[in-house]
Structures are given as C-alpha cells and as structure tokens.
Amino acid sequence: MIKYIKFQYSIPICAILFLSLNPTAIKIYSSYKEKTDLLSKIALIKQENEKYTKSLYYLETKESHLERMVKSELGVIANGEIEYRFIK
C-alpha cells in the first residue's frame, strides 16, 4: 500500500519537475502567455476601433453631434446662447 502511494505521487512530481525545468516547456508556456496577452490587446483595440468608427459616422452624418462635441470639448458657445456654470 505504501509503495502504491509513493508511486502514485511520484509520477505527478516527476512530471511537474520535468515541465518546470525543461527549457522547451518554458518556451512553450511563455509563447502561450504572450499569445493570450496579444489576443486580449487585439480585443481591446477592436472595441476602441468600433467606438471611433461610430463616432466618425455620427460626426460625418449628424450636425447636432458635431455641434455638441465642439461645445463640450472646446467650450464654444453660439451667438445668443447663455452659458451656465454650477459650483459644487
């Protein structure tokens, strides 16, 4: 029974040691990690690209969107408009 338990635990321990000390296994793991990092960055960039594509579409087609962006980002007010500022 004791030999069976020793044998049962020795195989996973040997496998872990082999994989952790093997340079090829380390290279495979680092390549896999780099791949997953790049895929997550690609997903974020695709979302950002979609956001900018929508914004560009609205800027090209809707005058009110352009006007609202100019007012909010540049602080421009049109003739006859009154700007209200609220103090917290």
N, C-alpha and C. Protein backbone atom coordinates (compact mmCIF):
# COMPACT_ATOMS: atom_id res chain seq x y z
N MET A 1 0.82 -1.20 0.00
CA MET A 1 0.00 0.00 0.00
C MET A 1 0.87 1.26 0.00
N ILE A 2 1.90 1.28 0.80
CA ILE A 2 2.78 2.44 0.88
C ILE A 2 3.52 2.62 -0.44
N LYS A 3 3.93 1.53 -1.07
CA LYS A 3 4.60 1.63 -2.36
C LYS A 3 3.67 2.23 -3.41
N TYR A 4 2.38 1.84 -3.34
CA TYR A 4 1.40 2.37 -4.28
C TYR A 4 1.23 3.88 -4.10
N ILE A 5 1.18 4.34 -2.85
CA ILE A 5 1.03 5.76 -2.57
C ILE A 5 2.27 6.52 -3.04
N LYS A 6 3.46 5.99 -2.78
CA LYS A 6 4.68 6.64 -3.24
C LYS A 6 4.71 6.71 -4.76
N PHE A 7 4.31 5.63 -5.40
CA PHE A 7 4.29 5.59 -6.85
C PHE A 7 3.24 6.55 -7.42
N GLN A 8 2.11 6.61 -6.72
CA GLN A 8 1.02 7.48 -7.16
C GLN A 8 1.44 8.95 -7.14
N TYR A 9 2.20 9.37 -6.13
CA TYR A 9 2.62 10.76 -6.03
C TYR A 9 3.91 11.04 -6.80
N SER A 10 4.68 10.02 -7.07
CA SER A 10 5.97 10.26 -7.73
C SER A 10 5.80 10.63 -9.20
N ILE A 11 4.79 10.11 -9.87
CA ILE A 11 4.58 10.42 -11.28
C ILE A 11 4.22 11.89 -11.48
N PRO A 12 3.24 12.44 -10.75
CA PRO A 12 2.96 13.88 -10.95
C PRO A 12 4.13 14.78 -10.55
N ILE A 13 4.86 14.39 -9.49
CA ILE A 13 6.00 15.20 -9.07
C ILE A 13 7.08 15.20 -10.15
N CYS A 14 7.35 14.04 -10.72
CA CYS A 14 8.34 13.96 -11.80
C CYS A 14 7.88 14.77 -13.02
N ALA A 15 6.60 14.70 -13.33
CA ALA A 15 6.08 15.44 -14.48
C ALA A 15 6.20 16.94 -14.25
N ILE A 16 5.89 17.40 -13.05
CA ILE A 16 6.00 18.82 -12.74
C ILE A 16 7.45 19.27 -12.80
N LEU A 17 8.35 18.48 -12.24
CA LEU A 17 9.76 18.83 -12.30
C LEU A 17 10.28 18.86 -13.73
N PHE A 18 9.88 17.88 -14.51
CA PHE A 18 10.32 17.82 -15.90
C PHE A 18 9.83 19.03 -16.68
N LEU A 19 8.55 19.39 -16.49
CA LEU A 19 7.99 20.52 -17.23
C LEU A 19 8.54 21.86 -16.75
N SER A 20 8.83 21.96 -15.46
CA SER A 20 9.33 23.23 -14.95
C SER A 20 10.81 23.45 -15.25
N LEU A 21 11.56 22.38 -15.43
CA LEU A 21 13.00 22.51 -15.70
C LEU A 21 13.34 22.37 -17.18
N ASN A 22 12.40 21.98 -17.98
CA ASN A 22 12.63 21.77 -19.40
C ASN A 22 12.57 23.11 -20.13
N PRO A 23 13.64 23.53 -20.82
CA PRO A 23 13.62 24.83 -21.50
C PRO A 23 12.59 24.91 -22.62
N THR A 24 12.32 23.80 -23.27
CA THR A 24 11.31 23.81 -24.33
C THR A 24 9.93 24.05 -23.76
N ALA A 25 9.63 23.41 -22.63
CA ALA A 25 8.33 23.62 -21.98
C ALA A 25 8.18 25.06 -21.50
N ILE A 26 9.27 25.63 -20.99
CA ILE A 26 9.23 27.02 -20.53
C ILE A 26 8.98 27.95 -21.72
N LYS A 27 9.62 27.67 -22.85
CA LYS A 27 9.44 28.48 -24.04
C LYS A 27 8.00 28.37 -24.56
N ILE A 28 7.45 27.16 -24.53
CA ILE A 28 6.06 26.96 -24.97
C ILE A 28 5.12 27.75 -24.07
N TYR A 29 5.35 27.69 -22.76
CA TYR A 29 4.48 28.41 -21.84
C TYR A 29 4.58 29.92 -22.05
N SER A 30 5.80 30.43 -22.23
CA SER A 30 5.95 31.87 -22.42
C SER A 30 5.33 32.31 -23.75
N SER A 31 5.42 31.46 -24.78
CA SER A 31 4.77 31.78 -26.05
C SER A 31 3.25 31.79 -25.91
N TYR A 32 2.73 30.83 -25.15
CA TYR A 32 1.28 30.78 -24.91
C TYR A 32 0.82 32.01 -24.15
N LYS A 33 1.58 32.41 -23.13
CA LYS A 33 1.22 33.60 -22.36
C LYS A 33 1.26 34.84 -23.23
N GLU A 34 2.28 34.96 -24.07
CA GLU A 34 2.38 36.10 -24.97
C GLU A 34 1.21 36.12 -25.96
N LYS A 35 0.82 34.94 -26.43
CA LYS A 35 -0.31 34.85 -27.36
C LYS A 35 -1.60 35.33 -26.70
N THR A 36 -1.85 34.88 -25.47
CA THR A 36 -3.08 35.30 -24.79
C THR A 36 -3.06 36.80 -24.50
N ASP A 37 -1.89 37.35 -24.15
CA ASP A 37 -1.79 38.79 -23.92
C ASP A 37 -2.09 39.57 -25.21
N LEU A 38 -1.53 39.10 -26.32
CA LEU A 38 -1.77 39.77 -27.60
C LEU A 38 -3.23 39.68 -28.03
N LEU A 39 -3.85 38.53 -27.79
CA LEU A 39 -5.27 38.39 -28.14
C LEU A 39 -6.14 39.32 -27.32
N SER A 40 -5.82 39.49 -26.05
CA SER A 40 -6.61 40.42 -25.23
C SER A 40 -6.40 41.86 -25.69
N LYS A 41 -5.16 42.20 -26.08
CA LYS A 41 -4.91 43.54 -26.60
C LYS A 41 -5.66 43.77 -27.92
N ILE A 42 -5.69 42.75 -28.76
CA ILE A 42 -6.43 42.86 -30.02
C ILE A 42 -7.90 43.10 -29.76
N ALA A 43 -8.47 42.40 -28.79
CA ALA A 43 -9.89 42.58 -28.47
C ALA A 43 -10.16 44.00 -27.99
N LEU A 44 -9.27 44.53 -27.15
CA LEU A 44 -9.45 45.91 -26.67
C LEU A 44 -9.33 46.92 -27.81
N ILE A 45 -8.39 46.69 -28.70
CA ILE A 45 -8.20 47.61 -29.82
C ILE A 45 -9.39 47.54 -30.77
N LYS A 46 -9.97 46.34 -30.95
CA LYS A 46 -11.16 46.23 -31.80
C LYS A 46 -12.33 46.99 -31.21
N GLN A 47 -12.50 46.92 -29.88
CA GLN A 47 -13.58 47.67 -29.24
C GLN A 47 -13.36 49.18 -29.40
N GLU A 48 -12.12 49.61 -29.21
CA GLU A 48 -11.81 51.02 -29.37
C GLU A 48 -12.02 51.47 -30.82
N ASN A 49 -11.66 50.63 -31.76
CA ASN A 49 -11.86 50.94 -33.17
C ASN A 49 -13.34 51.07 -33.49
N GLU A 50 -14.15 50.19 -32.94
CA GLU A 50 -15.59 50.25 -33.16
C GLU A 50 -16.17 51.55 -32.59
N LYS A 51 -15.68 51.95 -31.41
CA LYS A 51 -16.14 53.20 -30.79
C LYS A 51 -15.80 54.39 -31.68
N TYR A 52 -14.57 54.42 -32.19
CA TYR A 52 -14.16 55.53 -33.05
C TYR A 52 -14.89 55.51 -34.39
N THR A 53 -15.19 54.33 -34.90
CA THR A 53 -15.94 54.23 -36.15
C THR A 53 -17.34 54.81 -35.98
N LYS A 54 -17.98 54.49 -34.86
CA LYS A 54 -19.31 55.06 -34.58
C LYS A 54 -19.24 56.57 -34.45
N SER A 55 -18.24 57.03 -33.73
CA SER A 55 -18.09 58.48 -33.54
C SER A 55 -17.86 59.17 -34.87
N LEU A 56 -17.04 58.60 -35.72
CA LEU A 56 -16.78 59.18 -37.04
C LEU A 56 -18.04 59.20 -37.88
N TYR A 57 -18.82 58.12 -37.80
CA TYR A 57 -20.09 58.07 -38.55
C TYR A 57 -21.01 59.21 -38.11
N TYR A 58 -21.15 59.38 -36.79
CA TYR A 58 -22.02 60.45 -36.29
C TYR A 58 -21.49 61.83 -36.64
N LEU A 59 -20.18 61.99 -36.63
CA LEU A 59 -19.61 63.29 -36.99
C LEU A 59 -19.85 63.61 -38.46
N GLU A 60 -19.79 62.61 -39.32
CA GLU A 60 -19.99 62.83 -40.75
C GLU A 60 -21.45 63.03 -41.12
N THR A 61 -22.38 62.43 -40.38
CA THR A 61 -23.78 62.44 -40.81
C THR A 61 -24.67 63.38 -40.00
N LYS A 62 -24.36 63.61 -38.75
CA LYS A 62 -25.27 64.39 -37.90
C LYS A 62 -24.59 65.68 -37.45
N GLU A 63 -25.17 66.79 -37.85
CA GLU A 63 -24.64 68.10 -37.47
C GLU A 63 -24.74 68.34 -35.96
N SER A 64 -25.83 67.86 -35.36
CA SER A 64 -26.02 68.10 -33.93
C SER A 64 -24.92 67.42 -33.10
N HIS A 65 -24.46 66.28 -33.55
CA HIS A 65 -23.40 65.58 -32.83
C HIS A 65 -22.10 66.38 -32.89
N LEU A 66 -21.78 66.90 -34.06
CA LEU A 66 -20.58 67.72 -34.22
C LEU A 66 -20.66 68.96 -33.35
N GLU A 67 -21.82 69.61 -33.36
CA GLU A 67 -22.01 70.82 -32.56
C GLU A 67 -21.86 70.52 -31.07
N ARG A 68 -22.43 69.41 -30.63
CA ARG A 68 -22.35 69.03 -29.22
C ARG A 68 -20.91 68.74 -28.81
N MET A 69 -20.15 68.06 -29.69
CA MET A 69 -18.76 67.76 -29.37
C MET A 69 -17.92 69.04 -29.30
N VAL A 70 -18.14 69.96 -30.21
CA VAL A 70 -17.40 71.22 -30.20
C VAL A 70 -17.70 71.99 -28.93
N LYS A 71 -18.96 72.03 -28.54
CA LYS A 71 -19.34 72.75 -27.32
C LYS A 71 -18.75 72.10 -26.08
N SER A 72 -18.78 70.78 -26.00
CA SER A 72 -18.32 70.13 -24.78
C SER A 72 -16.80 70.08 -24.68
N GLU A 73 -16.10 69.85 -25.80
CA GLU A 73 -14.65 69.70 -25.73
C GLU A 73 -13.90 71.03 -25.84
N LEU A 74 -14.41 71.96 -26.62
CA LEU A 74 -13.70 73.22 -26.81
C LEU A 74 -14.30 74.37 -26.01
N GLY A 75 -15.49 74.17 -25.48
CA GLY A 75 -16.11 75.22 -24.67
C GLY A 75 -16.66 76.37 -25.49
N VAL A 76 -17.00 76.13 -26.74
CA VAL A 76 -17.52 77.16 -27.62
C VAL A 76 -19.01 77.33 -27.37
N ILE A 77 -19.46 78.59 -27.38
CA ILE A 77 -20.90 78.84 -27.28
C ILE A 77 -21.32 79.62 -28.52
N ALA A 78 -22.53 79.39 -28.98
CA ALA A 78 -23.04 80.05 -30.18
C ALA A 78 -23.54 81.45 -29.81
N ASN A 79 -23.74 82.26 -30.83
CA ASN A 79 -24.27 83.61 -30.61
C ASN A 79 -25.67 83.52 -30.02
N GLY A 80 -25.92 84.27 -28.98
CA GLY A 80 -27.23 84.30 -28.35
C GLY A 80 -27.42 83.25 -27.26
N GLU A 81 -26.47 82.36 -27.09
CA GLU A 81 -26.59 81.36 -26.04
C GLU A 81 -25.98 81.89 -24.75
N ILE A 82 -26.52 81.42 -23.65
CA ILE A 82 -26.02 81.81 -22.34
C ILE A 82 -25.41 80.56 -21.69
N GLU A 83 -24.21 80.71 -21.19
CA GLU A 83 -23.53 79.58 -20.56
C GLU A 83 -23.77 79.63 -19.06
N TYR A 84 -24.24 78.52 -18.53
CA TYR A 84 -24.47 78.41 -17.09
C TYR A 84 -23.39 77.53 -16.50
N ARG A 85 -22.83 77.96 -15.40
CA ARG A 85 -21.83 77.16 -14.68
C ARG A 85 -22.31 76.98 -13.26
N PHE A 86 -22.30 75.73 -12.83
CA PHE A 86 -22.77 75.40 -11.49
C PHE A 86 -21.58 75.06 -10.61
N ILE A 87 -21.54 75.66 -9.45
CA ILE A 87 -20.46 75.43 -8.49
C ILE A 87 -20.92 74.37 -7.50
N LYS A 88 -20.06 73.41 -7.27
CA LYS A 88 -20.42 72.32 -6.34
C LYS A 88 -20.23 72.75 -4.92
